Amino acid sequence: MMEFKIRNRWSGKTQFTAEIDAEETESESIKIGLAVKWAHEVGANLTGADLAGADLAGAALTGAHLDGANLSDADLGGANLRRANLAWAYLSGVNLSGANLSNADLSDANLYTAVLTGADLSGADLAAANLTGADLAGVNFANANLSGANLSVADFSGADLAVAWARADLTGADLSWVNLSGANLTGADLSGASGSWANLAWANLSGTNFSDTKLVGADLTGVIFNGANLTRANLNGAKFFEANLTDANLTGADLTGANLLGANLTGADLSGARLSGARLSGTIS
């Protein structure tokens, strides 16, 4: 047994001293991981702790208080963090693949370039979280709160998100430059979201709510927008080549400079839409 000190990420002062079963020669990541497990078991304070690089793969941390902690580059693959408090935590580059984060609080957390492949985030609070460049393939976002979250540059290509994002709140989310090509987002609510320059080519967006959404320059090639709500959406310069907009509501939408070549506009409502400079040749109506 040995004593191992965990310091506060802000003050640098010792926050607690753990008793861990490890040799002095053991790696720092292993020792930090063991200290976190010890702290969780005895109820020590982990709020704001510096836990960067910790090896916590498969750890049982249900309900852990890790709010404001620095877990950058830590390995939490397969960990159980159900109902954990990770609000304002610094999780840049962390491995959370296959982790259980259901009903966890990740509001305002920084998950820049984090790996969350196959993670369970159902019911999690991700309000205003930074998920820029994160790997979110196969993540379960059912009932999650993603309002105001930054999902820019994240890669969802080919993902079936109709179930994964069922009832997820994406209002006001930042999806700029995100890759959602071929994704299934049927019925999703993205009202007020920002998806400028996003790649949504060949995605299924039937029945989605894109009211007041910003999709400037977005690639919407071949997208299925059947019955979608695009009222007042900013679609300036967007590419709708061969998109299916059957029965879509585009009332008051800004389609300035948009390319609608070959798009199907059968039954679409374009009343009050701005079409200055839009390319409408070959459209079906």
Protein backbone atom coordinates (compact mmCIF):
# COMPACT_ATOMS: atom_id res chain seq x y z
CA MET A 1 0.00 0.00 0.00
CA MET A 2 1.11 3.55 -0.64
CA GLU A 3 -0.21 7.07 -0.22
CA PHE A 4 -0.96 9.05 -3.36
CA LYS A 5 -1.90 12.72 -3.46
CA ILE A 6 -4.53 14.15 -5.79
CA ARG A 7 -4.30 17.87 -6.38
CA ASN A 8 -6.91 20.46 -7.24
CA ARG A 9 -6.77 21.50 -10.92
CA TRP A 10 -7.18 25.18 -10.03
CA SER A 11 -5.10 25.74 -6.89
CA GLY A 12 -2.57 22.91 -7.27
CA LYS A 13 -3.02 22.15 -3.58
CA THR A 14 -3.51 18.61 -2.28
CA GLN A 15 -7.22 17.82 -2.37
CA PHE A 16 -7.01 14.39 -0.76
CA THR A 17 -4.51 11.64 -0.12
CA ALA A 18 -5.56 8.18 -1.24
CA GLU A 19 -4.35 4.83 0.01
CA ILE A 20 -3.77 2.66 -3.04
CA ASP A 21 -2.39 -0.81 -3.65
CA ALA A 22 0.41 0.00 -6.08
CA GLU A 23 4.19 0.05 -6.37
CA GLU A 24 6.12 3.32 -6.63
CA THR A 25 7.22 2.21 -10.09
CA GLU A 26 3.61 1.91 -11.32
CA SER A 27 2.59 4.35 -14.06
CA GLU A 28 1.06 7.68 -13.05
CA SER A 29 -2.14 6.92 -15.01
CA ILE A 30 -2.70 3.68 -13.06
CA LYS A 31 -2.04 5.38 -9.72
CA ILE A 32 -4.44 8.25 -10.49
CA GLY A 33 -7.09 5.73 -11.55
CA LEU A 34 -6.71 3.76 -8.33
CA ALA A 35 -6.89 6.99 -6.31
CA VAL A 36 -10.14 7.97 -8.03
CA LYS A 37 -11.68 4.57 -7.28
CA TRP A 38 -10.57 4.85 -3.65
CA ALA A 39 -12.01 8.37 -3.41
CA HIS A 40 -15.33 7.26 -4.86
CA GLU A 41 -15.56 4.34 -2.44
CA VAL A 42 -14.84 6.43 0.66
CA GLY A 43 -16.75 9.51 -0.47
CA ALA A 44 -13.73 11.80 -0.87
CA ASN A 45 -14.23 15.07 -2.77
CA LEU A 46 -13.38 14.80 -6.49
CA THR A 47 -14.88 18.15 -7.51
CA GLY A 48 -12.28 20.14 -9.44
CA ALA A 49 -9.62 17.45 -9.03
CA ASP A 50 -6.75 17.12 -11.49
CA LEU A 51 -7.21 13.60 -12.88
CA ALA A 52 -5.65 14.08 -16.31
CA GLY A 53 -4.58 10.86 -17.99
CA ALA A 54 -6.22 8.61 -15.41
CA ASP A 55 -6.66 4.94 -16.28
CA LEU A 56 -10.30 4.33 -15.36
CA ALA A 57 -11.23 1.82 -18.05
CA GLY A 58 -14.22 -0.19 -16.89
CA ALA A 59 -14.39 1.66 -13.56
CA ALA A 60 -17.59 1.62 -11.47
CA LEU A 61 -18.28 5.31 -10.86
CA THR A 62 -22.07 5.44 -10.65
CA GLY A 63 -23.15 8.80 -9.23
CA ALA A 64 -19.56 10.05 -8.90
CA HIS A 65 -19.05 13.76 -8.19
CA LEU A 66 -16.54 14.78 -10.85
CA ASP A 67 -17.91 18.23 -11.58
CA GLY A 68 -15.20 20.61 -12.73
CA ALA A 69 -12.57 17.85 -12.67
CA ASN A 70 -9.77 17.67 -15.23
CA LEU A 71 -10.03 14.29 -16.95
CA SER A 72 -8.30 15.24 -20.19
CA ASP A 73 -6.82 12.27 -22.06
CA ALA A 74 -8.15 9.87 -19.41
CA ASP A 75 -9.25 6.36 -20.34
CA LEU A 76 -12.84 5.80 -19.23
CA GLY A 77 -13.65 3.23 -21.88
CA GLY A 78 -16.49 0.99 -20.71
CA ALA A 79 -16.77 2.83 -17.40
CA ASN A 80 -20.09 3.05 -15.55
CA LEU A 81 -20.77 6.76 -15.00
CA ARG A 82 -24.53 6.52 -14.72
CA ARG A 83 -25.94 9.59 -12.94
CA ALA A 84 -22.41 10.97 -12.49
CA ASN A 85 -21.92 14.72 -12.12
CA LEU A 86 -19.46 15.88 -14.78
CA ALA A 87 -20.79 19.41 -15.17
CA TRP A 88 -18.03 21.83 -16.27
CA ALA A 89 -15.56 18.94 -16.37
CA TYR A 90 -12.60 19.16 -18.76
CA LEU A 91 -12.79 15.99 -20.86
CA SER A 92 -10.76 16.94 -23.92
CA GLY A 93 -9.37 13.88 -25.70
CA VAL A 94 -10.91 11.48 -23.17
CA ASN A 95 -11.80 7.92 -24.16
CA LEU A 96 -15.43 7.24 -23.22
CA SER A 97 -16.09 4.57 -25.82
CA GLY A 98 -18.73 2.15 -24.61
CA ALA A 99 -19.17 4.07 -21.35
CA ASN A 100 -22.52 4.25 -19.56
CA LEU A 101 -23.31 7.95 -19.08
CA SER A 102 -27.07 7.57 -18.87
CA ASN A 103 -28.69 10.40 -16.89
CA ALA A 104 -25.26 11.93 -16.24
CA ASP A 105 -24.81 15.70 -15.91
CA LEU A 106 -22.40 16.89 -18.60
CA SER A 107 -23.74 20.41 -18.86
CA ASP A 108 -21.04 22.89 -19.95
CA ALA A 109 -18.49 20.05 -20.07
CA ASN A 110 -15.63 20.31 -22.56
CA LEU A 111 -15.53 17.11 -24.65
CA TYR A 112 -13.36 18.50 -27.45
CA THR A 113 -12.14 15.59 -29.68
CA ALA A 114 -13.39 13.06 -27.12
CA VAL A 115 -14.05 9.49 -28.27
CA LEU A 116 -17.58 8.41 -27.33
CA THR A 117 -18.18 5.62 -29.82
CA GLY A 118 -20.99 3.36 -28.63
CA ALA A 119 -21.49 5.30 -25.39
CA ASP A 120 -24.89 5.46 -23.70
CA LEU A 121 -25.88 9.10 -23.15
CA SER A 122 -29.60 8.46 -22.85
CA GLY A 123 -31.21 11.02 -20.60
CA ALA A 124 -27.91 12.84 -20.12
CA ASP A 125 -27.77 16.62 -19.71
CA LEU A 126 -25.37 18.00 -22.33
CA ALA A 127 -26.72 21.54 -22.36
CA ALA A 128 -24.03 23.93 -23.67
CA ALA A 129 -21.46 21.10 -23.75
CA ASN A 130 -18.57 21.37 -26.22
CA LEU A 131 -18.47 18.27 -28.45
CA THR A 132 -16.41 19.86 -31.21
CA GLY A 133 -14.60 17.20 -33.23
CA ALA A 134 -15.87 14.39 -30.99
CA ASP A 135 -16.29 10.84 -32.32
CA LEU A 136 -19.97 10.16 -31.69
CA ALA A 137 -20.52 7.09 -33.84
CA GLY A 138 -23.18 4.81 -32.40
CA VAL A 139 -23.89 7.03 -29.39
CA ASN A 140 -27.34 6.72 -27.79
CA PHE A 141 -28.70 10.25 -27.25
CA ALA A 142 -32.31 9.21 -26.53
CA ASN A 143 -34.02 11.77 -24.28
CA ALA A 144 -30.73 13.65 -23.89
CA ASN A 145 -30.64 17.43 -23.55
CA LEU A 146 -28.32 18.86 -26.21
CA SER A 147 -29.74 22.36 -26.20
CA GLY A 148 -27.01 24.87 -27.00
CA ALA A 149 -24.39 22.11 -27.36
CA ASN A 150 -21.53 22.56 -29.84
CA LEU A 151 -21.40 19.56 -32.19
CA SER A 152 -19.38 21.24 -34.92
CA VAL A 153 -16.97 19.07 -36.92
CA ALA A 154 -18.32 15.93 -35.22
CA ASP A 155 -18.66 12.91 -37.53
CA PHE A 156 -22.00 11.08 -37.67
CA SER A 157 -21.65 9.88 -41.27
CA GLY A 158 -23.98 6.98 -42.07
CA ALA A 159 -25.42 6.89 -38.57
CA ASP A 160 -29.04 5.92 -37.90
CA LEU A 161 -30.02 8.60 -35.44
CA ALA A 162 -33.79 8.26 -35.64
CA VAL A 163 -33.78 6.08 -32.53
CA ALA A 164 -30.50 7.26 -31.02
CA TRP A 165 -31.73 10.86 -30.96
CA ALA A 166 -35.34 10.02 -30.18
CA ARG A 167 -36.85 12.94 -28.27
CA ALA A 168 -33.39 14.49 -27.89
CA ASP A 169 -33.48 18.27 -27.45
CA LEU A 170 -31.21 19.79 -30.11
CA THR A 171 -32.74 23.24 -30.10
CA GLY A 172 -30.08 25.86 -30.59
CA ALA A 173 -27.31 23.27 -31.03
CA ASP A 174 -24.24 24.15 -33.11
CA LEU A 175 -23.88 21.63 -35.95
CA SER A 176 -21.59 23.78 -38.11
CA TRP A 177 -19.34 21.72 -40.41
CA VAL A 178 -20.72 18.49 -38.90
CA ASN A 179 -20.75 15.40 -41.13
CA LEU A 180 -24.22 13.85 -41.07
CA SER A 181 -24.14 12.49 -44.60
CA GLY A 182 -26.55 9.58 -45.02
CA ALA A 183 -27.83 9.93 -41.45
CA ASN A 184 -31.42 9.16 -40.46
CA LEU A 185 -32.83 12.07 -38.44
CA THR A 186 -36.50 11.46 -39.12
CA GLY A 187 -38.68 13.65 -36.92
CA ALA A 188 -35.81 15.32 -35.03
CA ASP A 189 -36.27 18.80 -33.56
CA LEU A 190 -33.43 21.07 -34.65
CA SER A 191 -35.30 24.34 -34.43
CA GLY A 192 -32.97 27.29 -34.01
CA ALA A 193 -29.88 25.15 -34.53
CA SER A 194 -26.86 26.32 -36.52
CA GLY A 195 -25.68 23.93 -39.23
CA SER A 196 -23.79 26.21 -41.57
CA TRP A 197 -21.55 24.30 -44.03
CA ALA A 198 -22.74 21.00 -42.57
CA ASN A 199 -22.68 17.91 -44.78
CA LEU A 200 -26.17 16.38 -44.78
CA ALA A 201 -25.99 14.86 -48.25
CA TRP A 202 -28.45 11.98 -48.78
CA ALA A 203 -29.69 12.19 -45.19
CA ASN A 204 -33.30 11.33 -44.31
CA LEU A 205 -34.79 14.42 -42.67
CA SER A 206 -38.45 13.59 -43.19
CA GLY A 207 -40.70 15.40 -40.74
CA THR A 208 -37.81 17.21 -39.05
CA ASN A 209 -38.25 20.64 -37.49
CA PHE A 210 -35.69 23.03 -38.95
CA SER A 211 -37.64 26.20 -38.22
CA ASP A 212 -35.34 29.22 -37.72
CA THR A 213 -32.34 26.99 -38.36
CA LYS A 214 -29.18 28.35 -40.02
CA LEU A 215 -27.95 26.09 -42.83
CA VAL A 216 -25.88 28.57 -44.82
CA GLY A 217 -23.82 26.79 -47.48
CA ALA A 218 -24.89 23.37 -46.23
CA ASP A 219 -24.64 20.36 -48.56
CA LEU A 220 -28.21 19.04 -48.80
CA THR A 221 -27.68 17.02 -51.97
CA GLY A 222 -30.29 14.28 -52.29
CA VAL A 223 -31.70 14.97 -48.83
CA ILE A 224 -35.23 13.72 -48.07
CA PHE A 225 -37.14 16.65 -46.58
CA ASN A 226 -40.64 15.16 -46.95
CA GLY A 227 -43.00 17.16 -44.75
CA ALA A 228 -40.12 18.94 -43.01
CA ASN A 229 -40.62 22.31 -41.33
CA LEU A 230 -38.12 24.83 -42.72
CA THR A 231 -40.04 28.00 -41.91
CA ARG A 232 -37.80 31.06 -41.67
CA ALA A 233 -34.71 28.88 -42.10
CA ASN A 234 -31.57 30.56 -43.44
CA LEU A 235 -30.63 28.40 -46.44
CA ASN A 236 -28.48 30.98 -48.18
CA GLY A 237 -26.21 29.26 -50.70
CA ALA A 238 -27.30 25.77 -49.65
CA LYS A 239 -27.04 22.92 -52.17
CA PHE A 240 -30.38 21.12 -52.70
CA PHE A 241 -29.33 19.22 -55.83
CA GLU A 242 -31.95 16.47 -56.42
CA ALA A 243 -33.29 16.93 -52.86
CA ASN A 244 -36.83 15.76 -52.10
CA LEU A 245 -38.81 18.65 -50.57
CA THR A 246 -42.25 17.15 -51.11
CA ASP A 247 -44.80 18.89 -48.84
CA ALA A 248 -42.02 20.75 -47.03
CA ASN A 249 -42.88 24.05 -45.36
CA LEU A 250 -40.45 26.73 -46.57
CA THR A 251 -42.56 29.71 -45.56
CA GLY A 252 -40.36 32.76 -45.11
CA ALA A 253 -37.18 30.75 -45.73
CA ASP A 254 -34.09 32.48 -47.18
CA LEU A 255 -33.03 30.55 -50.29
CA THR A 256 -30.87 33.33 -51.69
CA GLY A 257 -28.28 31.80 -54.02
CA ALA A 258 -29.38 28.27 -53.18
CA ASN A 259 -28.95 25.51 -55.78
CA LEU A 260 -32.23 23.63 -56.22
CA LEU A 261 -31.28 21.99 -59.51
CA GLY A 262 -33.45 18.90 -59.97
CA ALA A 263 -35.11 19.26 -56.55
CA ASN A 264 -38.63 17.92 -56.03
CA LEU A 265 -40.83 20.76 -54.72
CA THR A 266 -44.17 19.00 -55.16
CA GLY A 267 -46.59 20.39 -52.58
CA ALA A 268 -43.89 22.52 -50.96
CA ASP A 269 -44.99 25.86 -49.46
CA LEU A 270 -42.64 28.63 -50.59
CA SER A 271 -44.84 31.56 -49.64
CA GLY A 272 -42.74 34.50 -48.52
CA ALA A 273 -39.50 32.69 -49.31
CA ARG A 274 -36.56 34.71 -50.67
CA LEU A 275 -35.33 33.17 -53.93
CA SER A 276 -33.01 35.87 -55.26
CA GLY A 277 -30.22 34.24 -57.26
CA ALA A 278 -31.52 30.76 -56.51
CA ARG A 279 -31.02 28.12 -59.20
CA LEU A 280 -34.39 26.54 -59.91
CA SER A 281 -33.82 24.87 -63.28
CA GLY A 282 -35.04 21.29 -63.50
CA THR A 283 -37.08 21.49 -60.33
CA ILE A 284 -40.20 19.31 -60.06
CA SER A 285 -43.35 20.92 -58.74
